[in-house]
């Protein structure tokens, strides 16, 4: 596949990402204004898989449904849950757009016949760090959500605990919804970026000798 086609595909991916983020932002702002709930979900470990639980969390405007190992939370209005979702959209969206933009610039370097340059190596390294930062942010985001859910959950016979705690009877263990594949890809890109940096250094040394 030529660099020109890759450049077109990256432009398309960047446009789709911006369009998706615009729609997500419109839904995030418009749903509370229209009185529509927003849905958030997390995987859970249940002592009795398949059990169905219904609970209404007073004071946080949420309806919670537990079944099939998934906790679904419908929240309305501009509360803490909405704020966490808004921060998540901003941070995740910024990481996504920045990563795609840097990849687009790198493909542009390749198309211009300058794949081994200090700029291209720096851009690859930045994309690697962005891919590493994404699952780290997901861990922080889920930790915030877990704290909100656990401390604001009323006593309805349903108890939530943090990950890595041992679940007891009628206790459901919240899990992290983290895409660790991004971290693996980020580490690989950092290795490739280091190889590019070494290649650039060797080329510059050879040019100085010549």
N, C-alpha and C. Protein backbone atom coordinates (compact mmCIF):
# COMPACT_ATOMS: atom_id res chain seq x y z
N UNK A 1 0.84 -1.18 0.00
CA UNK A 1 0.00 0.00 0.00
C UNK A 1 0.89 1.25 0.00
N UNK A 2 0.63 2.17 -0.91
CA UNK A 2 1.48 3.35 -1.05
C UNK A 2 1.22 4.33 0.09
N UNK A 3 2.21 5.23 0.28
CA UNK A 3 2.09 6.24 1.33
C UNK A 3 0.92 7.18 1.05
N UNK A 4 0.64 7.43 -0.24
CA UNK A 4 -0.46 8.33 -0.57
C UNK A 4 -1.80 7.74 -0.13
N UNK A 5 -1.99 6.43 -0.37
CA UNK A 5 -3.24 5.78 0.05
C UNK A 5 -3.34 5.78 1.57
N UNK A 6 -2.22 5.51 2.25
CA UNK A 6 -2.22 5.54 3.71
C UNK A 6 -2.56 6.92 4.23
N UNK A 7 -2.06 7.94 3.56
CA UNK A 7 -2.35 9.31 3.97
C UNK A 7 -3.84 9.61 3.82
N UNK A 8 -4.45 9.13 2.73
CA UNK A 8 -5.89 9.33 2.53
C UNK A 8 -6.67 8.59 3.61
N UNK A 9 -6.25 7.36 3.93
CA UNK A 9 -6.95 6.58 4.96
C UNK A 9 -6.82 7.24 6.33
N UNK A 10 -5.66 7.82 6.61
CA UNK A 10 -5.48 8.50 7.89
C UNK A 10 -6.35 9.75 7.96
N UNK A 11 -6.47 10.47 6.84
CA UNK A 11 -7.38 11.63 6.81
C UNK A 11 -8.82 11.19 7.06
N UNK A 12 -9.19 10.06 6.47
CA UNK A 12 -10.54 9.53 6.67
C UNK A 12 -10.75 9.13 8.13
N UNK A 13 -9.74 8.44 8.71
CA UNK A 13 -9.85 8.01 10.11
C UNK A 13 -9.94 9.22 11.04
N UNK A 14 -9.15 10.25 10.76
CA UNK A 14 -9.18 11.45 11.59
C UNK A 14 -10.54 12.15 11.48
N UNK A 15 -11.07 12.21 10.26
CA UNK A 15 -12.39 12.82 10.08
C UNK A 15 -13.48 12.04 10.78
N UNK A 16 -13.43 10.71 10.70
CA UNK A 16 -14.42 9.88 11.38
C UNK A 16 -14.32 10.03 12.90
N UNK A 17 -13.08 10.09 13.40
CA UNK A 17 -12.89 10.26 14.84
C UNK A 17 -13.47 11.59 15.31
N UNK A 18 -13.21 12.66 14.57
CA UNK A 18 -13.76 13.96 14.94
C UNK A 18 -15.28 13.96 14.86
N UNK A 19 -15.82 13.30 13.84
CA UNK A 19 -17.27 13.20 13.72
C UNK A 19 -17.89 12.42 14.87
N UNK A 20 -17.25 11.29 15.24
CA UNK A 20 -17.75 10.48 16.34
C UNK A 20 -17.70 11.26 17.65
N UNK A 21 -16.61 11.98 17.89
CA UNK A 21 -16.49 12.76 19.12
C UNK A 21 -17.52 13.88 19.17
N UNK A 22 -17.81 14.49 18.01
CA UNK A 22 -18.82 15.54 17.96
C UNK A 22 -20.20 14.99 18.31
N UNK A 23 -20.52 13.81 17.74
CA UNK A 23 -21.81 13.18 18.04
C UNK A 23 -21.89 12.78 19.52
N UNK A 24 -20.79 12.20 20.04
CA UNK A 24 -20.77 11.79 21.45
C UNK A 24 -20.95 13.00 22.36
N UNK A 25 -20.31 14.12 22.02
CA UNK A 25 -20.46 15.33 22.83
C UNK A 25 -21.89 15.86 22.77
N UNK A 26 -22.50 15.80 21.57
CA UNK A 26 -23.88 16.27 21.43
C UNK A 26 -24.83 15.42 22.26
N UNK A 27 -24.60 14.10 22.26
CA UNK A 27 -25.45 13.21 23.07
C UNK A 27 -25.23 13.48 24.55
N UNK A 28 -23.96 13.66 24.94
CA UNK A 28 -23.64 13.87 26.35
C UNK A 28 -24.28 15.15 26.88
N UNK A 29 -24.32 16.19 26.05
CA UNK A 29 -24.92 17.45 26.48
C UNK A 29 -26.44 17.44 26.29
N UNK A 30 -26.89 16.85 25.18
CA UNK A 30 -28.31 16.91 24.86
C UNK A 30 -29.18 15.99 25.70
N UNK A 31 -28.68 14.81 26.06
CA UNK A 31 -29.50 13.84 26.80
C UNK A 31 -30.00 14.41 28.13
N UNK A 32 -29.15 15.00 28.97
CA UNK A 32 -29.67 15.56 30.23
C UNK A 32 -30.66 16.71 30.00
N UNK A 33 -30.42 17.51 28.98
CA UNK A 33 -31.33 18.62 28.69
C UNK A 33 -32.71 18.12 28.29
N UNK A 34 -32.74 16.96 27.61
CA UNK A 34 -34.01 16.38 27.15
C UNK A 34 -34.61 15.42 28.16
N UNK A 35 -33.92 15.25 29.29
CA UNK A 35 -34.43 14.34 30.31
C UNK A 35 -34.19 12.88 30.00
N UNK A 36 -33.29 12.58 29.06
CA UNK A 36 -32.99 11.21 28.71
C UNK A 36 -31.80 10.70 29.53
N UNK A 37 -31.85 9.42 29.96
CA UNK A 37 -30.73 8.89 30.76
C UNK A 37 -29.54 8.51 29.89
N UNK A 38 -28.37 8.52 30.50
CA UNK A 38 -27.14 8.04 29.87
C UNK A 38 -26.77 6.71 30.50
N UNK A 39 -26.24 5.81 29.70
CA UNK A 39 -25.95 4.45 30.16
C UNK A 39 -24.45 4.23 30.27
N UNK A 40 -24.02 3.67 31.39
CA UNK A 40 -22.64 3.26 31.60
C UNK A 40 -22.63 1.82 32.07
N UNK A 41 -21.62 1.05 31.67
CA UNK A 41 -21.56 -0.37 32.01
C UNK A 41 -20.16 -0.77 32.45
N UNK A 42 -20.09 -1.75 33.38
CA UNK A 42 -18.83 -2.31 33.83
C UNK A 42 -19.00 -3.82 34.02
N UNK A 43 -17.98 -4.59 33.71
CA UNK A 43 -18.03 -6.02 34.01
C UNK A 43 -17.91 -6.26 35.51
N UNK A 44 -18.60 -7.28 36.00
CA UNK A 44 -18.54 -7.64 37.41
C UNK A 44 -18.37 -9.15 37.54
N UNK A 45 -17.82 -9.57 38.66
CA UNK A 45 -17.78 -10.98 39.03
C UNK A 45 -18.88 -11.22 40.05
N UNK A 46 -19.79 -12.11 39.72
CA UNK A 46 -20.93 -12.37 40.59
C UNK A 46 -20.79 -13.74 41.24
N UNK A 47 -21.17 -13.88 42.53
CA UNK A 47 -21.10 -15.19 43.17
C UNK A 47 -22.08 -16.18 42.56
N UNK A 48 -23.17 -15.64 41.99
CA UNK A 48 -24.16 -16.49 41.32
C UNK A 48 -24.43 -15.91 39.94
N UNK A 49 -23.62 -16.27 38.95
CA UNK A 49 -23.81 -15.72 37.60
C UNK A 49 -25.22 -15.97 37.09
N UNK A 50 -25.77 -14.96 36.46
CA UNK A 50 -27.12 -15.08 35.91
C UNK A 50 -28.18 -14.50 36.82
N UNK A 51 -27.81 -14.16 38.07
CA UNK A 51 -28.78 -13.57 38.98
C UNK A 51 -29.16 -12.18 38.49
N UNK A 52 -30.39 -11.83 38.65
CA UNK A 52 -30.87 -10.52 38.23
C UNK A 52 -31.16 -9.68 39.46
N UNK A 53 -30.60 -8.50 39.52
CA UNK A 53 -30.79 -7.59 40.64
C UNK A 53 -31.25 -6.24 40.10
N UNK A 54 -32.19 -5.65 40.83
CA UNK A 54 -32.64 -4.31 40.48
C UNK A 54 -32.50 -3.42 41.72
N UNK A 55 -31.98 -2.25 41.54
CA UNK A 55 -31.82 -1.34 42.66
C UNK A 55 -31.95 0.09 42.18
N UNK A 56 -32.53 0.92 43.01
CA UNK A 56 -32.63 2.35 42.71
C UNK A 56 -31.74 3.09 43.70
N UNK A 57 -30.73 3.76 43.17
CA UNK A 57 -29.78 4.47 44.03
C UNK A 57 -30.33 5.85 44.33
N UNK A 58 -30.79 6.05 45.55
CA UNK A 58 -31.38 7.32 45.93
C UNK A 58 -30.30 8.39 46.05
N UNK A 59 -30.62 9.56 45.59
CA UNK A 59 -29.70 10.67 45.73
C UNK A 59 -28.76 10.85 44.55
N UNK A 60 -28.69 9.86 43.64
CA UNK A 60 -27.79 10.02 42.50
C UNK A 60 -28.55 9.89 41.18
N UNK A 61 -29.88 9.78 41.26
CA UNK A 61 -30.68 9.75 40.05
C UNK A 61 -30.33 8.63 39.11
N UNK A 62 -30.13 7.42 39.63
CA UNK A 62 -29.67 6.31 38.81
C UNK A 62 -30.57 5.10 38.99
N UNK A 63 -30.65 4.32 37.95
CA UNK A 63 -31.29 3.02 38.01
C UNK A 63 -30.26 1.98 37.63
N UNK A 64 -30.04 1.00 38.49
CA UNK A 64 -28.97 0.04 38.29
C UNK A 64 -29.56 -1.34 38.05
N UNK A 65 -29.05 -2.01 37.05
CA UNK A 65 -29.49 -3.35 36.72
C UNK A 65 -28.27 -4.26 36.61
N UNK A 66 -28.34 -5.39 37.29
CA UNK A 66 -27.22 -6.31 37.29
C UNK A 66 -27.67 -7.64 36.72
N UNK A 67 -26.99 -8.12 35.72
CA UNK A 67 -27.31 -9.40 35.12
C UNK A 67 -26.26 -9.80 34.12
N UNK A 68 -26.01 -11.09 34.00
CA UNK A 68 -25.04 -11.59 33.04
C UNK A 68 -23.64 -11.04 33.29
N UNK A 69 -23.32 -10.73 34.54
CA UNK A 69 -21.98 -10.26 34.86
C UNK A 69 -21.68 -8.85 34.40
N UNK A 70 -22.73 -8.04 34.14
CA UNK A 70 -22.54 -6.66 33.69
C UNK A 70 -23.39 -5.75 34.57
N UNK A 71 -22.78 -4.69 35.08
CA UNK A 71 -23.51 -3.69 35.84
C UNK A 71 -23.82 -2.52 34.91
N UNK A 72 -25.09 -2.24 34.74
CA UNK A 72 -25.54 -1.15 33.87
C UNK A 72 -26.12 -0.04 34.74
N UNK A 73 -25.65 1.17 34.52
CA UNK A 73 -26.10 2.33 35.31
C UNK A 73 -26.68 3.36 34.37
N UNK A 74 -27.94 3.71 34.58
CA UNK A 74 -28.59 4.79 33.85
C UNK A 74 -28.65 6.00 34.77
N UNK A 75 -28.00 7.07 34.38
CA UNK A 75 -27.99 8.27 35.22
C UNK A 75 -28.51 9.46 34.41
N UNK A 76 -29.22 10.33 35.10
CA UNK A 76 -29.84 11.49 34.46
C UNK A 76 -29.30 12.77 35.07
N UNK A 77 -29.41 13.84 34.31
CA UNK A 77 -29.02 15.15 34.82
C UNK A 77 -27.52 15.39 34.76
N UNK A 78 -27.12 16.57 35.25
CA UNK A 78 -25.72 16.97 35.23
C UNK A 78 -25.11 16.76 36.62
N UNK A 79 -24.95 15.49 37.00
CA UNK A 79 -24.37 15.17 38.30
C UNK A 79 -22.92 14.74 38.17
N UNK A 80 -22.44 14.07 39.24
CA UNK A 80 -21.06 13.58 39.23
C UNK A 80 -20.84 12.57 38.12
N UNK A 81 -21.85 11.71 37.88
CA UNK A 81 -21.69 10.71 36.83
C UNK A 81 -21.51 11.38 35.47
N UNK A 82 -22.29 12.42 35.22
CA UNK A 82 -22.15 13.15 33.96
C UNK A 82 -20.78 13.80 33.85
N UNK A 83 -20.30 14.36 34.95
CA UNK A 83 -19.00 15.03 34.93
C UNK A 83 -17.87 14.04 34.62
N UNK A 84 -17.95 12.85 35.21
CA UNK A 84 -16.92 11.83 34.93
C UNK A 84 -16.96 11.44 33.47
N UNK A 85 -18.16 11.27 32.92
CA UNK A 85 -18.28 10.93 31.50
C UNK A 85 -17.74 12.05 30.62
N UNK A 86 -17.99 13.31 31.00
CA UNK A 86 -17.50 14.44 30.21
C UNK A 86 -15.97 14.49 30.23
N UNK A 87 -15.38 14.30 31.40
CA UNK A 87 -13.91 14.29 31.50
C UNK A 87 -13.34 13.13 30.69
N UNK A 88 -14.00 11.98 30.75
CA UNK A 88 -13.54 10.82 29.99
C UNK A 88 -13.58 11.10 28.49
N UNK A 89 -14.64 11.75 28.04
CA UNK A 89 -14.76 12.07 26.61
C UNK A 89 -13.66 13.04 26.18
N UNK A 90 -13.38 14.04 27.00
CA UNK A 90 -12.35 15.03 26.66
C UNK A 90 -10.98 14.38 26.60
N UNK A 91 -10.62 13.61 27.64
CA UNK A 91 -9.28 13.02 27.70
C UNK A 91 -9.12 11.94 26.64
N UNK A 92 -10.09 11.03 26.55
CA UNK A 92 -9.99 9.95 25.55
C UNK A 92 -9.99 10.53 24.14
N UNK A 93 -10.86 11.52 23.90
CA UNK A 93 -10.91 12.14 22.59
C UNK A 93 -9.62 12.86 22.23
N UNK A 94 -9.03 13.54 23.21
CA UNK A 94 -7.76 14.24 22.94
C UNK A 94 -6.65 13.25 22.61
N UNK A 95 -6.59 12.14 23.34
CA UNK A 95 -5.57 11.12 23.06
C UNK A 95 -5.78 10.52 21.68
N UNK A 96 -7.05 10.25 21.33
CA UNK A 96 -7.35 9.65 20.02
C UNK A 96 -6.95 10.59 18.88
N UNK A 97 -7.38 11.83 18.97
CA UNK A 97 -7.09 12.79 17.89
C UNK A 97 -5.59 13.07 17.79
N UNK A 98 -4.93 13.22 18.94
CA UNK A 98 -3.49 13.48 18.92
C UNK A 98 -2.73 12.30 18.30
N UNK A 99 -3.12 11.07 18.65
CA UNK A 99 -2.45 9.90 18.08
C UNK A 99 -2.64 9.81 16.58
N UNK A 100 -3.87 10.02 16.11
CA UNK A 100 -4.14 9.96 14.67
C UNK A 100 -3.42 11.09 13.93
N UNK A 101 -3.37 12.27 14.53
CA UNK A 101 -2.68 13.39 13.88
C UNK A 101 -1.19 13.12 13.74
N UNK A 102 -0.58 12.57 14.79
CA UNK A 102 0.85 12.27 14.73
C UNK A 102 1.14 11.16 13.72
N UNK A 103 0.26 10.15 13.65
CA UNK A 103 0.44 9.10 12.64
C UNK A 103 0.30 9.68 11.24
N UNK A 104 -0.63 10.60 11.08
CA UNK A 104 -0.80 11.25 9.78
C UNK A 104 0.47 12.01 9.39
N UNK A 105 1.07 12.70 10.35
CA UNK A 105 2.32 13.42 10.08
C UNK A 105 3.45 12.44 9.74
N UNK A 106 3.49 11.31 10.43
CA UNK A 106 4.54 10.33 10.16
C UNK A 106 4.39 9.76 8.76
N UNK A 107 3.16 9.43 8.36
CA UNK A 107 2.93 8.92 7.01
C UNK A 107 3.28 9.99 5.98
N UNK A 108 3.05 11.26 6.32
CA UNK A 108 3.47 12.34 5.42
C UNK A 108 4.98 12.36 5.24
N UNK A 109 5.73 12.11 6.34
CA UNK A 109 7.19 12.04 6.23
C UNK A 109 7.62 10.90 5.30
N UNK A 110 6.93 9.77 5.43
CA UNK A 110 7.25 8.62 4.57
C UNK A 110 6.97 8.97 3.11
N UNK A 111 5.83 9.62 2.87
CA UNK A 111 5.49 10.00 1.51
C UNK A 111 6.45 11.01 0.92
N UNK A 112 7.06 11.83 1.76
CA UNK A 112 8.02 12.82 1.29
C UNK A 112 9.44 12.26 1.19
N UNK A 113 9.58 10.96 1.42
CA UNK A 113 10.88 10.33 1.31
C UNK A 113 11.79 10.58 2.49
N UNK A 114 11.21 10.93 3.65
CA UNK A 114 12.01 11.19 4.85
C UNK A 114 11.53 10.35 6.03
N UNK A 115 11.48 9.00 5.87
CA UNK A 115 10.99 8.18 6.98
C UNK A 115 11.97 8.15 8.15
N UNK A 116 13.28 8.21 7.83
CA UNK A 116 14.31 8.18 8.88
C UNK A 116 14.78 9.60 9.17
N UNK A 117 14.01 10.29 9.99
CA UNK A 117 14.37 11.63 10.40
C UNK A 117 14.09 11.76 11.89
N UNK A 118 14.70 12.77 12.50
CA UNK A 118 14.48 12.96 13.93
C UNK A 118 13.01 13.26 14.22
N UNK A 119 12.35 13.98 13.31
CA UNK A 119 10.94 14.29 13.50
C UNK A 119 10.06 13.06 13.46
N UNK A 120 10.30 12.14 12.50
CA UNK A 120 9.49 10.93 12.40
C UNK A 120 9.69 10.03 13.61
N UNK A 121 10.94 9.93 14.08
CA UNK A 121 11.20 9.12 15.28
C UNK A 121 10.50 9.71 16.49
N UNK A 122 10.51 11.03 16.60
CA UNK A 122 9.86 11.70 17.73
C UNK A 122 8.35 11.50 17.68
N UNK A 123 7.78 11.55 16.48
CA UNK A 123 6.34 11.36 16.37
C UNK A 123 5.94 9.93 16.72
N UNK A 124 6.71 8.95 16.26
CA UNK A 124 6.41 7.56 16.62
C UNK A 124 6.49 7.37 18.13
N UNK A 125 7.50 7.97 18.75
CA UNK A 125 7.64 7.84 20.21
C UNK A 125 6.44 8.46 20.92
N UNK A 126 5.98 9.60 20.41
CA UNK A 126 4.82 10.26 21.03
C UNK A 126 3.57 9.40 20.91
N UNK A 127 3.38 8.77 19.75
CA UNK A 127 2.22 7.88 19.58
C UNK A 127 2.32 6.71 20.55
N UNK A 128 3.53 6.17 20.73
CA UNK A 128 3.70 5.08 21.69
C UNK A 128 3.30 5.48 23.09
N UNK A 129 3.72 6.68 23.52
CA UNK A 129 3.36 7.15 24.86
C UNK A 129 1.85 7.40 24.97
N UNK A 130 1.23 7.87 23.88
CA UNK A 130 -0.22 8.07 23.89
C UNK A 130 -0.94 6.74 24.07
N UNK A 131 -0.48 5.71 23.36
CA UNK A 131 -1.10 4.39 23.49
C UNK A 131 -0.91 3.82 24.89
N UNK A 132 0.20 4.13 25.52
CA UNK A 132 0.41 3.70 26.90
C UNK A 132 -0.48 4.48 27.86
N UNK A 133 -0.69 5.76 27.56
CA UNK A 133 -1.48 6.60 28.46
C UNK A 133 -2.96 6.23 28.44
N UNK A 134 -3.44 5.71 27.30
CA UNK A 134 -4.88 5.44 27.19
C UNK A 134 -5.36 4.40 28.21
N UNK A 135 -4.75 3.20 28.32
CA UNK A 135 -5.22 2.26 29.34
C UNK A 135 -4.98 2.76 30.77
N UNK A 136 -3.94 3.58 30.98
CA UNK A 136 -3.72 4.14 32.31
C UNK A 136 -4.88 5.07 32.69
N UNK A 137 -5.32 5.87 31.73
CA UNK A 137 -6.48 6.73 32.00
C UNK A 137 -7.72 5.89 32.24
N UNK A 138 -7.89 4.79 31.50
CA UNK A 138 -9.05 3.93 31.72
C UNK A 138 -9.05 3.38 33.15
N UNK A 139 -7.88 3.04 33.68
CA UNK A 139 -7.79 2.57 35.06
C UNK A 139 -8.21 3.67 36.03
N UNK A 140 -7.73 4.90 35.79
CA UNK A 140 -8.10 6.03 36.65
C UNK A 140 -9.61 6.28 36.56
N UNK A 141 -10.14 6.27 35.34
CA UNK A 141 -11.57 6.51 35.15
C UNK A 141 -12.42 5.47 35.87
N UNK A 142 -12.08 4.20 35.71
CA UNK A 142 -12.85 3.14 36.36
C UNK A 142 -12.72 3.21 37.88
N UNK A 143 -11.56 3.61 38.38
CA UNK A 143 -11.39 3.76 39.82
C UNK A 143 -12.31 4.84 40.37
N UNK A 144 -12.42 5.96 39.63
CA UNK A 144 -13.34 7.02 40.04
C UNK A 144 -14.78 6.52 40.05
N UNK A 145 -15.17 5.82 38.99
CA UNK A 145 -16.53 5.28 38.91
C UNK A 145 -16.78 4.28 40.02
N UNK A 146 -15.82 3.41 40.29
CA UNK A 146 -16.00 2.40 41.33
C UNK A 146 -16.23 3.06 42.69
N UNK A 147 -15.46 4.12 42.97
CA UNK A 147 -15.67 4.83 44.22
C UNK A 147 -17.06 5.44 44.31
N UNK A 148 -17.52 6.02 43.22
CA UNK A 148 -18.87 6.60 43.20
C UNK A 148 -19.93 5.54 43.43
N UNK A 149 -19.80 4.42 42.74
CA UNK A 149 -20.82 3.38 42.83
C UNK A 149 -20.84 2.73 44.21
N UNK A 150 -19.67 2.45 44.75
CA UNK A 150 -19.59 1.73 46.02
C UNK A 150 -20.07 2.60 47.18
N UNK A 151 -19.69 3.85 47.20
CA UNK A 151 -20.01 4.71 48.33
C UNK A 151 -21.41 5.32 48.24
N UNK A 152 -22.01 5.33 47.05
CA UNK A 152 -23.34 5.89 46.91
C UNK A 152 -24.41 4.82 46.76
N UNK A 153 -24.00 3.56 46.83
CA UNK A 153 -24.97 2.48 46.68
C UNK A 153 -25.75 2.28 47.98
N UNK A 154 -27.07 2.32 47.94
CA UNK A 154 -27.85 2.09 49.15
C UNK A 154 -27.89 0.59 49.48
N UNK A 155 -28.41 0.28 50.63
CA UNK A 155 -28.50 -1.11 51.07
C UNK A 155 -29.77 -1.74 50.50
N UNK A 156 -29.61 -2.48 49.40
CA UNK A 156 -30.74 -3.21 48.78
C UNK A 156 -30.38 -4.68 48.63
N UNK A 157 -29.53 -5.18 49.50
CA UNK A 157 -29.11 -6.58 49.36
C UNK A 157 -28.08 -6.78 48.28
N UNK A 158 -27.59 -5.70 47.71
CA UNK A 158 -26.57 -5.76 46.65
C UNK A 158 -25.36 -4.97 47.10
N UNK A 159 -24.23 -5.62 47.23
CA UNK A 159 -23.02 -4.96 47.69
C UNK A 159 -21.94 -5.06 46.62
N UNK A 160 -21.32 -3.94 46.32
CA UNK A 160 -20.24 -3.89 45.35
C UNK A 160 -18.92 -3.70 46.08
N UNK A 161 -17.88 -4.35 45.58
CA UNK A 161 -16.55 -4.20 46.15
C UNK A 161 -15.57 -3.86 45.04
N UNK A 162 -14.40 -3.37 45.44
CA UNK A 162 -13.38 -2.98 44.48
C UNK A 162 -12.74 -4.21 43.83
N UNK A 163 -12.10 -4.04 42.67
CA UNK A 163 -11.33 -5.14 42.09
C UNK A 163 -10.25 -5.61 43.06
N UNK A 164 -9.92 -6.88 42.93
CA UNK A 164 -8.88 -7.54 43.72
C UNK A 164 -9.32 -7.85 45.15
N UNK A 165 -10.53 -7.39 45.55
CA UNK A 165 -11.07 -7.84 46.83
C UNK A 165 -11.78 -9.17 46.63
N UNK A 166 -11.78 -10.00 47.64
CA UNK A 166 -12.41 -11.32 47.53
C UNK A 166 -13.92 -11.18 47.69
N UNK A 167 -14.69 -11.59 46.67
CA UNK A 167 -16.15 -11.48 46.77
C UNK A 167 -16.72 -12.51 47.73
N UNK A 168 -17.67 -12.07 48.52
CA UNK A 168 -18.39 -12.97 49.42
C UNK A 168 -19.80 -13.17 48.88
N UNK A 169 -20.64 -13.85 49.66
CA UNK A 169 -22.02 -14.10 49.23
C UNK A 169 -22.76 -12.77 49.09
N UNK A 170 -23.51 -12.63 48.00
CA UNK A 170 -24.25 -11.41 47.68
C UNK A 170 -23.33 -10.20 47.52
N UNK A 171 -22.08 -10.46 47.19
CA UNK A 171 -21.12 -9.39 46.95
C UNK A 171 -20.63 -9.48 45.52
N UNK A 172 -20.69 -8.37 44.81
CA UNK A 172 -20.29 -8.36 43.40
C UNK A 172 -19.03 -7.52 43.24
N UNK A 173 -18.04 -8.11 42.59
CA UNK A 173 -16.73 -7.48 42.45
C UNK A 173 -16.67 -6.72 41.13
N UNK A 174 -16.49 -5.41 41.23
CA UNK A 174 -16.33 -4.59 40.03
C UNK A 174 -15.01 -4.90 39.34
N UNK A 175 -15.00 -4.83 38.03
CA UNK A 175 -13.80 -5.11 37.25
C UNK A 175 -13.41 -3.88 36.43
N UNK A 176 -12.14 -3.81 36.09
CA UNK A 176 -11.67 -2.75 35.21
C UNK A 176 -12.01 -3.09 33.75
N UNK A 177 -12.50 -2.11 33.01
CA UNK A 177 -12.75 -2.28 31.58
C UNK A 177 -11.63 -1.56 30.83
N UNK A 178 -10.47 -2.22 30.78
CA UNK A 178 -9.25 -1.62 30.24
C UNK A 178 -8.82 -2.39 28.99
N UNK A 179 -8.45 -1.66 27.95
CA UNK A 179 -7.95 -2.26 26.71
C UNK A 179 -6.42 -2.32 26.78
N UNK A 180 -5.90 -3.44 27.31
CA UNK A 180 -4.46 -3.57 27.48
C UNK A 180 -3.74 -3.72 26.15
N UNK A 181 -4.48 -4.03 25.08
CA UNK A 181 -3.85 -4.12 23.76
C UNK A 181 -3.21 -2.81 23.34
N UNK A 182 -3.78 -1.68 23.78
CA UNK A 182 -3.17 -0.38 23.47
C UNK A 182 -1.79 -0.27 24.10
N UNK A 183 -1.66 -0.77 25.33
CA UNK A 183 -0.36 -0.70 26.01
C UNK A 183 0.68 -1.54 25.29
N UNK A 184 0.29 -2.74 24.85
CA UNK A 184 1.22 -3.61 24.13
C UNK A 184 1.65 -2.95 22.82
N UNK A 185 0.68 -2.40 22.08
CA UNK A 185 1.01 -1.71 20.84
C UNK A 185 1.90 -0.50 21.09
N UNK A 186 1.63 0.22 22.19
CA UNK A 186 2.46 1.37 22.53
C UNK A 186 3.90 0.98 22.81
N UNK A 187 4.11 -0.13 23.53
CA UNK A 187 5.47 -0.60 23.80
C UNK A 187 6.18 -0.98 22.51
N UNK A 188 5.47 -1.64 21.60
CA UNK A 188 6.07 -2.01 20.31
C UNK A 188 6.46 -0.76 19.52
N UNK A 189 5.60 0.25 19.54
CA UNK A 189 5.92 1.49 18.82
C UNK A 189 7.13 2.20 19.43
N UNK A 190 7.26 2.13 20.75
CA UNK A 190 8.43 2.73 21.39
C UNK A 190 9.71 2.03 20.96
N UNK A 191 9.64 0.70 20.80
CA UNK A 191 10.81 -0.04 20.31
C UNK A 191 11.14 0.38 18.88
N UNK A 192 10.10 0.48 18.03
CA UNK A 192 10.31 0.89 16.64
C UNK A 192 10.86 2.32 16.59
N UNK A 193 10.33 3.21 17.45
CA UNK A 193 10.81 4.60 17.48
C UNK A 193 12.27 4.66 17.88
N UNK A 194 12.67 3.80 18.82
CA UNK A 194 14.08 3.77 19.22
C UNK A 194 14.95 3.28 18.08
N UNK A 195 14.46 2.29 17.32
CA UNK A 195 15.21 1.81 16.15
C UNK A 195 15.34 2.93 15.12
N UNK A 196 14.28 3.69 14.92
CA UNK A 196 14.34 4.83 14.00
C UNK A 196 15.37 5.85 14.47
N UNK A 197 15.37 6.12 15.79
CA UNK A 197 16.31 7.11 16.32
C UNK A 197 17.76 6.67 16.12
N UNK A 198 18.02 5.38 16.35
CA UNK A 198 19.36 4.86 16.14
C UNK A 198 19.74 4.94 14.67
N UNK A 199 18.78 4.63 13.78
CA UNK A 199 19.03 4.71 12.35
C UNK A 199 19.35 6.13 11.92
N UNK A 200 18.62 7.09 12.47
CA UNK A 200 18.88 8.50 12.14
C UNK A 200 20.27 8.90 12.62
N UNK A 201 20.66 8.47 13.82
CA UNK A 201 21.98 8.81 14.35
C UNK A 201 23.09 8.23 13.48
N UNK A 202 22.93 6.97 13.07
CA UNK A 202 23.93 6.34 12.21
C UNK A 202 24.04 7.04 10.87
N UNK A 203 22.91 7.43 10.31
CA UNK A 203 22.93 8.12 9.01
C UNK A 203 23.64 9.47 9.14
N UNK A 204 23.34 10.20 10.23
CA UNK A 204 24.00 11.49 10.41
C UNK A 204 25.48 11.35 10.62
N UNK A 205 25.90 10.28 11.33
CA UNK A 205 27.34 10.05 11.51
C UNK A 205 28.02 9.72 10.19
N UNK A 206 27.36 8.90 9.37
CA UNK A 206 27.93 8.57 8.05
C UNK A 206 28.03 9.79 7.16
N UNK A 207 27.04 10.67 7.22
CA UNK A 207 27.06 11.88 6.41
C UNK A 207 28.19 12.81 6.85
N UNK A 208 28.46 12.85 8.16
CA UNK A 208 29.55 13.69 8.65
C UNK A 208 30.89 13.16 8.20
N UNK A 209 31.02 11.80 8.19
CA UNK A 209 32.29 11.20 7.75
C UNK A 209 32.52 11.47 6.28
N UNK A 210 31.45 11.34 5.48
CA UNK A 210 31.57 11.58 4.04
C UNK A 210 31.88 13.06 3.77
